[in-house]
Amino acid sequence: MFHVSGQIDILCQEFKNISIKVLPHKTSTSALAILIEKHNRIFLFCDKIEKLFSFIALMQVVWNTFIICSLGFIIIIVSTALNVL
């Protein structure tokens, strides 16, 4: 997440300095197109990170549910085994 934040800060600085940074052989349109393309790549990267974190959160919920159910099963088995003895 820090990487995305840093990339957004860099992109904002480039947008602020676009008039200074435009080289004589480049037009401002091509410089804007490059910055827009960078923005789109950052946006797609954020979407991929969001999907990954959502998947990780889902796996944690499923795994924790499995562990809780397994512990409950073990407790029931142990308590019935102690009552039999």
PDB file of N, CA and C in Angstrom:
ATOM      1  N   MET A   1       0.811  -1.184   0.000  1.00  0.00           N
ATOM      2  CA  MET A   1       0.000   0.000   0.000  1.00  0.00           C
ATOM      3  C   MET A   1       0.864   1.261   0.000  1.00  0.00           C
ATOM      4  N   PHE A   2       2.020   1.168   0.673  1.00  0.00           N
ATOM      5  CA  PHE A   2       2.913   2.327   0.674  1.00  0.00           C
ATOM      6  C   PHE A   2       3.430   2.603  -0.739  1.00  0.00           C
ATOM      7  N   HIS A   3       3.639   1.537  -1.510  1.00  0.00           N
ATOM      8  CA  HIS A   3       4.121   1.712  -2.876  1.00  0.00           C
ATOM      9  C   HIS A   3       3.091   2.475  -3.711  1.00  0.00           C
ATOM     10  N   VAL A   4       1.831   2.106  -3.570  1.00  0.00           N
ATOM     11  CA  VAL A   4       0.769   2.783  -4.326  1.00  0.00           C
ATOM     12  C   VAL A   4       0.686   4.245  -3.908  1.00  0.00           C
ATOM     13  N   SER A   5       0.762   4.492  -2.612  1.00  0.00           N
ATOM     14  CA  SER A   5       0.715   5.873  -2.122  1.00  0.00           C
ATOM     15  C   SER A   5       1.877   6.691  -2.677  1.00  0.00           C
ATOM     16  N   GLY A   6       3.055   6.106  -2.701  1.00  0.00           N
ATOM     17  CA  GLY A   6       4.214   6.796  -3.265  1.00  0.00           C
ATOM     18  C   GLY A   6       4.051   7.075  -4.747  1.00  0.00           C
ATOM     19  N   GLN A   7       3.501   6.098  -5.479  1.00  0.00           N
ATOM     20  CA  GLN A   7       3.281   6.283  -6.913  1.00  0.00           C
ATOM     21  C   GLN A   7       2.266   7.391  -7.173  1.00  0.00           C
ATOM     22  N   ILE A   8       1.239   7.469  -6.347  1.00  0.00           N
ATOM     23  CA  ILE A   8       0.234   8.529  -6.509  1.00  0.00           C
ATOM     24  C   ILE A   8       0.854   9.892  -6.219  1.00  0.00           C
ATOM     25  N   ASP A   9       1.699   9.973  -5.193  1.00  0.00           N
ATOM     26  CA  ASP A   9       2.385  11.238  -4.899  1.00  0.00           C
ATOM     27  C   ASP A   9       3.281  11.664  -6.052  1.00  0.00           C
ATOM     28  N   ILE A  10       4.013  10.722  -6.619  1.00  0.00           N
ATOM     29  CA  ILE A  10       4.878  11.024  -7.768  1.00  0.00           C
ATOM     30  C   ILE A  10       4.047  11.510  -8.945  1.00  0.00           C
ATOM     31  N   LEU A  11       2.922  10.830  -9.188  1.00  0.00           N
ATOM     32  CA  LEU A  11       2.056  11.222 -10.296  1.00  0.00           C
ATOM     33  C   LEU A  11       1.493  12.631 -10.087  1.00  0.00           C
ATOM     34  N   CYS A  12       1.113  12.951  -8.854  1.00  0.00           N
ATOM     35  CA  CYS A  12       0.612  14.306  -8.567  1.00  0.00           C
ATOM     36  C   CYS A  12       1.688  15.353  -8.823  1.00  0.00           C
ATOM     37  N   GLN A  13       2.915  15.071  -8.422  1.00  0.00           N
ATOM     38  CA  GLN A  13       4.013  16.011  -8.673  1.00  0.00           C
ATOM     39  C   GLN A  13       4.254  16.182 -10.173  1.00  0.00           C
ATOM     40  N   GLU A  14       4.144  15.088 -10.911  1.00  0.00           N
ATOM     41  CA  GLU A  14       4.344  15.188 -12.362  1.00  0.00           C
ATOM     42  C   GLU A  14       3.241  16.006 -13.010  1.00  0.00           C
ATOM     43  N   PHE A  15       2.010  15.863 -12.521  1.00  0.00           N
ATOM     44  CA  PHE A  15       0.925  16.689 -13.059  1.00  0.00           C
ATOM     45  C   PHE A  15       1.147  18.158 -12.735  1.00  0.00           C
ATOM     46  N   LYS A  16       1.664  18.448 -11.542  1.00  0.00           N
ATOM     47  CA  LYS A  16       1.927  19.843 -11.169  1.00  0.00           C
ATOM     48  C   LYS A  16       3.038  20.454 -12.017  1.00  0.00           C
ATOM     49  N   ASN A  17       4.031  19.644 -12.361  1.00  0.00           N
ATOM     50  CA  ASN A  17       5.195  20.148 -13.084  1.00  0.00           C
ATOM     51  C   ASN A  17       5.132  19.885 -14.581  1.00  0.00           C
ATOM     52  N   ILE A  18       3.966  19.581 -15.102  1.00  0.00           N
ATOM     53  CA  ILE A  18       3.878  19.190 -16.516  1.00  0.00           C
ATOM     54  C   ILE A  18       4.296  20.327 -17.453  1.00  0.00           C
ATOM     55  N   SER A  19       3.974  21.539 -17.132  1.00  0.00           N
ATOM     56  CA  SER A  19       4.325  22.647 -18.030  1.00  0.00           C
ATOM     57  C   SER A  19       5.832  22.900 -18.020  1.00  0.00           C
ATOM     58  N   ILE A  20       6.476  22.651 -16.902  1.00  0.00           N
ATOM     59  CA  ILE A  20       7.924  22.836 -16.811  1.00  0.00           C
ATOM     60  C   ILE A  20       8.658  21.675 -17.464  1.00  0.00           C
ATOM     61  N   LYS A  21       8.080  20.481 -17.328  1.00  0.00           N
ATOM     62  CA  LYS A  21       8.763  19.256 -17.732  1.00  0.00           C
ATOM     63  C   LYS A  21       8.636  18.941 -19.221  1.00  0.00           C
ATOM     64  N   VAL A  22       7.704  19.562 -19.913  1.00  0.00           N
ATOM     65  CA  VAL A  22       7.496  19.247 -21.322  1.00  0.00           C
ATOM     66  C   VAL A  22       8.741  19.628 -22.109  1.00  0.00           C
ATOM     67  N   LEU A  23       9.277  18.646 -22.779  1.00  0.00           N
ATOM     68  CA  LEU A  23      10.488  18.870 -23.568  1.00  0.00           C
ATOM     69  C   LEU A  23      10.131  19.502 -24.911  1.00  0.00           C
ATOM     70  N   PRO A  24      11.094  20.153 -25.546  1.00  0.00           N
ATOM     71  CA  PRO A  24      10.794  20.817 -26.824  1.00  0.00           C
ATOM     72  C   PRO A  24      10.299  19.861 -27.915  1.00  0.00           C
ATOM     73  N   HIS A  25      10.769  18.630 -27.917  1.00  0.00           N
ATOM     74  CA  HIS A  25      10.360  17.704 -28.977  1.00  0.00           C
ATOM     75  C   HIS A  25       9.075  16.957 -28.633  1.00  0.00           C
ATOM     76  N   LYS A  26       8.546  17.150 -27.428  1.00  0.00           N
ATOM     77  CA  LYS A  26       7.283  16.514 -27.045  1.00  0.00           C
ATOM     78  C   LYS A  26       6.213  17.582 -26.917  1.00  0.00           C
ATOM     79  N   THR A  27       5.021  17.203 -27.260  1.00  0.00           N
ATOM     80  CA  THR A  27       3.914  18.126 -27.068  1.00  0.00           C
ATOM     81  C   THR A  27       3.309  17.867 -25.696  1.00  0.00           C
ATOM     82  N   SER A  28       2.561  18.826 -25.212  1.00  0.00           N
ATOM     83  CA  SER A  28       1.924  18.648 -23.913  1.00  0.00           C
ATOM     84  C   SER A  28       0.883  17.528 -23.969  1.00  0.00           C
ATOM     85  N   THR A  29       0.335  17.275 -25.149  1.00  0.00           N
ATOM     86  CA  THR A  29      -0.646  16.200 -25.297  1.00  0.00           C
ATOM     87  C   THR A  29       0.000  14.846 -25.058  1.00  0.00           C
ATOM     88  N   SER A  30       1.201  14.638 -25.601  1.00  0.00           N
ATOM     89  CA  SER A  30       1.864  13.350 -25.394  1.00  0.00           C
ATOM     90  C   SER A  30       2.299  13.191 -23.938  1.00  0.00           C
ATOM     91  N   ALA A  31       2.692  14.295 -23.307  1.00  0.00           N
ATOM     92  CA  ALA A  31       3.060  14.223 -21.890  1.00  0.00           C
ATOM     93  C   ALA A  31       1.836  13.893 -21.046  1.00  0.00           C
ATOM     94  N   LEU A  32       0.702  14.495 -21.371  1.00  0.00           N
ATOM     95  CA  LEU A  32      -0.529  14.175 -20.662  1.00  0.00           C
ATOM     96  C   LEU A  32      -0.939  12.729 -20.902  1.00  0.00           C
ATOM     97  N   ALA A  33      -0.761  12.249 -22.111  1.00  0.00           N
ATOM     98  CA  ALA A  33      -1.109  10.862 -22.416  1.00  0.00           C
ATOM     99  C   ALA A  33      -0.261   9.905 -21.592  1.00  0.00           C
ATOM    100  N   ILE A  34       1.011  10.212 -21.421  1.00  0.00           N
ATOM    101  CA  ILE A  34       1.892   9.370 -20.607  1.00  0.00           C
ATOM    102  C   ILE A  34       1.431   9.368 -19.156  1.00  0.00           C
ATOM    103  N   LEU A  35       1.083  10.546 -18.639  1.00  0.00           N
ATOM    104  CA  LEU A  35       0.623  10.635 -17.257  1.00  0.00           C
ATOM    105  C   LEU A  35      -0.712   9.926 -17.056  1.00  0.00           C
ATOM    106  N   ILE A  36      -1.588  10.011 -18.031  1.00  0.00           N
ATOM    107  CA  ILE A  36      -2.872   9.311 -17.944  1.00  0.00           C
ATOM    108  C   ILE A  36      -2.648   7.806 -17.966  1.00  0.00           C
ATOM    109  N   GLU A  37      -1.719   7.352 -18.787  1.00  0.00           N
ATOM    110  CA  GLU A  37      -1.394   5.920 -18.834  1.00  0.00           C
ATOM    111  C   GLU A  37      -0.828   5.453 -17.486  1.00  0.00           C
ATOM    112  N   LYS A  38       0.036   6.273 -16.872  1.00  0.00           N
ATOM    113  CA  LYS A  38       0.553   5.935 -15.540  1.00  0.00           C
ATOM    114  C   LYS A  38      -0.585   5.848 -14.533  1.00  0.00           C
ATOM    115  N   HIS A  39      -1.511   6.796 -14.609  1.00  0.00           N
ATOM    116  CA  HIS A  39      -2.668   6.791 -13.711  1.00  0.00           C
ATOM    117  C   HIS A  39      -3.476   5.511 -13.884  1.00  0.00           C
ATOM    118  N   ASN A  40      -3.704   5.103 -15.117  1.00  0.00           N
ATOM    119  CA  ASN A  40      -4.467   3.878 -15.380  1.00  0.00           C
ATOM    120  C   ASN A  40      -3.752   2.653 -14.830  1.00  0.00           C
ATOM    121  N   ARG A  41      -2.410   2.600 -14.961  1.00  0.00           N
ATOM    122  CA  ARG A  41      -1.660   1.462 -14.422  1.00  0.00           C
ATOM    123  C   ARG A  41      -1.731   1.422 -12.903  1.00  0.00           C
ATOM    124  N   ILE A  42      -1.658   2.589 -12.263  1.00  0.00           N
ATOM    125  CA  ILE A  42      -1.782   2.638 -10.802  1.00  0.00           C
ATOM    126  C   ILE A  42      -3.173   2.173 -10.380  1.00  0.00           C
ATOM    127  N   PHE A  43      -4.194   2.601 -11.104  1.00  0.00           N
ATOM    128  CA  PHE A  43      -5.566   2.213 -10.799  1.00  0.00           C
ATOM    129  C   PHE A  43      -5.746   0.701 -10.933  1.00  0.00           C
ATOM    130  N   LEU A  44      -5.210   0.109 -11.993  1.00  0.00           N
ATOM    131  CA  LEU A  44      -5.311  -1.347 -12.173  1.00  0.00           C
ATOM    132  C   LEU A  44      -4.549  -2.090 -11.085  1.00  0.00           C
ATOM    133  N   PHE A  45      -3.397  -1.553 -10.690  1.00  0.00           N
ATOM    134  CA  PHE A  45      -2.619  -2.159  -9.613  1.00  0.00           C
ATOM    135  C   PHE A  45      -3.411  -2.141  -8.305  1.00  0.00           C
ATOM    136  N   CYS A  46      -4.093  -1.038  -8.029  1.00  0.00           N
ATOM    137  CA  CYS A  46      -4.934  -0.943  -6.818  1.00  0.00           C
ATOM    138  C   CYS A  46      -6.061  -1.970  -6.859  1.00  0.00           C
ATOM    139  N   ASP A  47      -6.660  -2.169  -8.026  1.00  0.00           N
ATOM    140  CA  ASP A  47      -7.714  -3.178  -8.153  1.00  0.00           C
ATOM    141  C   ASP A  47      -7.177  -4.578  -7.865  1.00  0.00           C
ATOM    142  N   LYS A  48      -5.984  -4.868  -8.371  1.00  0.00           N
ATOM    143  CA  LYS A  48      -5.389  -6.188  -8.135  1.00  0.00           C
ATOM    144  C   LYS A  48      -5.077  -6.389  -6.655  1.00  0.00           C
ATOM    145  N   ILE A  49      -4.579  -5.348  -5.990  1.00  0.00           N
ATOM    146  CA  ILE A  49      -4.286  -5.438  -4.562  1.00  0.00           C
ATOM    147  C   ILE A  49      -5.579  -5.663  -3.776  1.00  0.00           C
ATOM    148  N   GLU A  50      -6.638  -4.949  -4.156  1.00  0.00           N
ATOM    149  CA  GLU A  50      -7.921  -5.106  -3.467  1.00  0.00           C
ATOM    150  C   GLU A  50      -8.449  -6.528  -3.613  1.00  0.00           C
ATOM    151  N   LYS A  51      -8.359  -7.097  -4.806  1.00  0.00           N
ATOM    152  CA  LYS A  51      -8.821  -8.471  -5.018  1.00  0.00           C
ATOM    153  C   LYS A  51      -7.987  -9.460  -4.200  1.00  0.00           C
ATOM    154  N   LEU A  52      -6.677  -9.237  -4.153  1.00  0.00           N
ATOM    155  CA  LEU A  52      -5.807 -10.116  -3.384  1.00  0.00           C
ATOM    156  C   LEU A  52      -6.130 -10.047  -1.901  1.00  0.00           C
ATOM    157  N   PHE A  53      -6.287  -8.835  -1.358  1.00  0.00           N
ATOM    158  CA  PHE A  53      -6.603  -8.694   0.059  1.00  0.00           C
ATOM    159  C   PHE A  53      -7.970  -9.285   0.381  1.00  0.00           C
ATOM    160  N   SER A  54      -8.931  -9.140  -0.521  1.00  0.00           N
ATOM    161  CA  SER A  54     -10.253  -9.732  -0.307  1.00  0.00           C
ATOM    162  C   SER A  54     -10.161 -11.253  -0.265  1.00  0.00           C
ATOM    163  N   PHE A  55      -9.369 -11.820  -1.155  1.00  0.00           N
ATOM    164  CA  PHE A  55      -9.188 -13.269  -1.172  1.00  0.00           C
ATOM    165  C   PHE A  55      -8.508 -13.739   0.115  1.00  0.00           C
ATOM    166  N   ILE A  56      -7.487 -13.011   0.563  1.00  0.00           N
ATOM    167  CA  ILE A  56      -6.779 -13.371   1.792  1.00  0.00           C
ATOM    168  C   ILE A  56      -7.739 -13.299   2.984  1.00  0.00           C
ATOM    169  N   ALA A  57      -8.568 -12.263   3.045  1.00  0.00           N
ATOM    170  CA  ALA A  57      -9.536 -12.136   4.143  1.00  0.00           C
ATOM    171  C   ALA A  57     -10.539 -13.286   4.115  1.00  0.00           C
ATOM    172  N   LEU A  58     -10.999 -13.657   2.930  1.00  0.00           N
ATOM    173  CA  LEU A  58     -11.928 -14.784   2.803  1.00  0.00           C
ATOM    174  C   LEU A  58     -11.278 -16.076   3.276  1.00  0.00           C
ATOM    175  N   MET A  59     -10.029 -16.311   2.898  1.00  0.00           N
ATOM    176  CA  MET A  59      -9.336 -17.520   3.327  1.00  0.00           C
ATOM    177  C   MET A  59      -9.143 -17.541   4.841  1.00  0.00           C
ATOM    178  N   GLN A  60      -8.898 -16.392   5.442  1.00  0.00           N
ATOM    179  CA  GLN A  60      -8.760 -16.338   6.898  1.00  0.00           C
ATOM    180  C   GLN A  60     -10.079 -16.672   7.584  1.00  0.00           C
ATOM    181  N   VAL A  61     -11.189 -16.170   7.057  1.00  0.00           N
ATOM    182  CA  VAL A  61     -12.501 -16.485   7.636  1.00  0.00           C
ATOM    183  C   VAL A  61     -12.787 -17.981   7.512  1.00  0.00           C
ATOM    184  N   VAL A  62     -12.537 -18.545   6.343  1.00  0.00           N
ATOM    185  CA  VAL A  62     -12.786 -19.978   6.135  1.00  0.00           C
ATOM    186  C   VAL A  62     -11.891 -20.807   7.048  1.00  0.00           C
ATOM    187  N   TRP A  63     -10.624 -20.464   7.128  1.00  0.00           N
ATOM    188  CA  TRP A  63      -9.686 -21.222   7.959  1.00  0.00           C
ATOM    189  C   TRP A  63     -10.052 -21.123   9.441  1.00  0.00           C
ATOM    190  N   ASN A  64     -10.388 -19.915   9.910  1.00  0.00           N
ATOM    191  CA  ASN A  64     -10.768 -19.745  11.311  1.00  0.00           C
ATOM    192  C   ASN A  64     -12.058 -20.500  11.636  1.00  0.00           C
ATOM    193  N   THR A  65     -13.008 -20.518  10.710  1.00  0.00           N
ATOM    194  CA  THR A  65     -14.235 -21.291  10.904  1.00  0.00           C
ATOM    195  C   THR A  65     -13.908 -22.773  11.017  1.00  0.00           C
ATOM    196  N   PHE A  66     -13.036 -23.260  10.173  1.00  0.00           N
ATOM    197  CA  PHE A  66     -12.623 -24.661  10.222  1.00  0.00           C
ATOM    198  C   PHE A  66     -11.963 -24.993  11.559  1.00  0.00           C
ATOM    199  N   ILE A  67     -11.098 -24.127  12.034  1.00  0.00           N
ATOM    200  CA  ILE A  67     -10.407 -24.350  13.305  1.00  0.00           C
ATOM    201  C   ILE A  67     -11.408 -24.367  14.462  1.00  0.00           C
ATOM    202  N   ILE A  68     -12.344 -23.419  14.480  1.00  0.00           N
ATOM    203  CA  ILE A  68     -13.339 -23.361  15.551  1.00  0.00           C
ATOM    204  C   ILE A  68     -14.207 -24.616  15.545  1.00  0.00           C
ATOM    205  N   CYS A  69     -14.627 -25.046  14.368  1.00  0.00           N
ATOM    206  CA  CYS A  69     -15.439 -26.268  14.273  1.00  0.00           C
ATOM    207  C   CYS A  69     -14.636 -27.486  14.719  1.00  0.00           C
ATOM    208  N   SER A  70     -13.375 -27.559  14.332  1.00  0.00           N
ATOM    209  CA  SER A  70     -12.525 -28.689  14.731  1.00  0.00           C
ATOM    210  C   SER A  70     -12.332 -28.713  16.246  1.00  0.00           C
ATOM    211  N   LEU A  71     -12.098 -27.554  16.843  1.00  0.00           N
ATOM    212  CA  LEU A  71     -11.944 -27.493  18.303  1.00  0.00           C
ATOM    213  C   LEU A  71     -13.234 -27.888  19.007  1.00  0.00           C
ATOM    214  N   GLY A  72     -14.357 -27.455  18.498  1.00  0.00           N
ATOM    215  CA  GLY A  72     -15.644 -27.860  19.069  1.00  0.00           C
ATOM    216  C   GLY A  72     -15.846 -29.354  18.987  1.00  0.00           C
ATOM    217  N   PHE A  73     -15.512 -29.943  17.858  1.00  0.00           N
ATOM    218  CA  PHE A  73     -15.630 -31.388  17.680  1.00  0.00           C
ATOM    219  C   PHE A  73     -14.729 -32.126  18.666  1.00  0.00           C
ATOM    220  N   ILE A  74     -13.508 -31.662  18.831  1.00  0.00           N
ATOM    221  CA  ILE A  74     -12.570 -32.308  19.759  1.00  0.00           C
ATOM    222  C   ILE A  74     -13.074 -32.190  21.196  1.00  0.00           C
ATOM    223  N   ILE A  75     -13.603 -31.030  21.555  1.00  0.00           N
ATOM    224  CA  ILE A  75     -14.132 -30.850  22.913  1.00  0.00           C
ATOM    225  C   ILE A  75     -15.306 -31.793  23.166  1.00  0.00           C
ATOM    226  N   ILE A  76     -16.194 -31.934  22.198  1.00  0.00           N
ATOM    227  CA  ILE A  76     -17.331 -32.848  22.350  1.00  0.00           C
ATOM    228  C   ILE A  76     -16.849 -34.297  22.463  1.00  0.00           C
ATOM    229  N   ILE A  77     -15.901 -34.691  21.634  1.00  0.00           N
ATOM    230  CA  ILE A  77     -15.369 -36.060  21.682  1.00  0.00           C
ATOM    231  C   ILE A  77     -14.720 -36.324  23.029  1.00  0.00           C
ATOM    232  N   VAL A  78     -13.928 -35.392  23.520  1.00  0.00           N
ATOM    233  CA  VAL A  78     -13.236 -35.572  24.797  1.00  0.00           C
ATOM    234  C   VAL A  78     -14.241 -35.626  25.952  1.00  0.00           C
ATOM    235  N   SER A  79     -15.245 -34.747  25.908  1.00  0.00           N
ATOM    236  CA  SER A  79     -16.212 -34.742  27.012  1.00  0.00           C
ATOM    237  C   SER A  79     -17.048 -36.028  27.015  1.00  0.00           C
ATOM    238  N   THR A  80     -17.401 -36.564  25.853  1.00  0.00           N
ATOM    239  CA  THR A  80     -18.138 -37.830  25.822  1.00  0.00           C
ATOM    240  C   THR A  80     -17.250 -38.990  26.224  1.00  0.00           C
ATOM    241  N   ALA A  81     -15.970 -38.925  25.880  1.00  0.00           N
ATOM    242  CA  ALA A  81     -15.046 -39.983  26.268  1.00  0.00           C
ATOM    243  C   ALA A  81     -14.848 -39.992  27.773  1.00  0.00           C
ATOM    244  N   LEU A  82     -14.814 -38.834  28.398  1.00  0.00           N
ATOM    245  CA  LEU A  82     -14.651 -38.764  29.857  1.00  0.00           C
ATOM    246  C   LEU A  82     -15.905 -39.249  30.581  1.00  0.00           C
ATOM    247  N   ASN A  83     -17.091 -39.004  29.977  1.00  0.00           N
ATOM    248  CA  ASN A  83     -18.329 -39.464  30.593  1.00  0.00           C
ATOM    249  C   ASN A  83     -18.481 -40.975  30.496  1.00  0.00           C
ATOM    250  N   VAL A  84     -17.908 -41.584  29.484  1.00  0.00           N
ATOM    251  CA  VAL A  84     -17.975 -43.036  29.316  1.00  0.00           C
ATOM    252  C   VAL A  84     -17.116 -43.707  30.370  1.00  0.00           C
ATOM    253  N   LEU A  85     -15.960 -43.136  30.666  1.00  0.00           N
ATOM    254  CA  LEU A  85     -15.073 -43.759  31.646  1.00  0.00           C
ATOM    255  C   LEU A  85     -15.654 -43.553  33.019  1.00  0.00           C
TER     256      LEU A  85
END
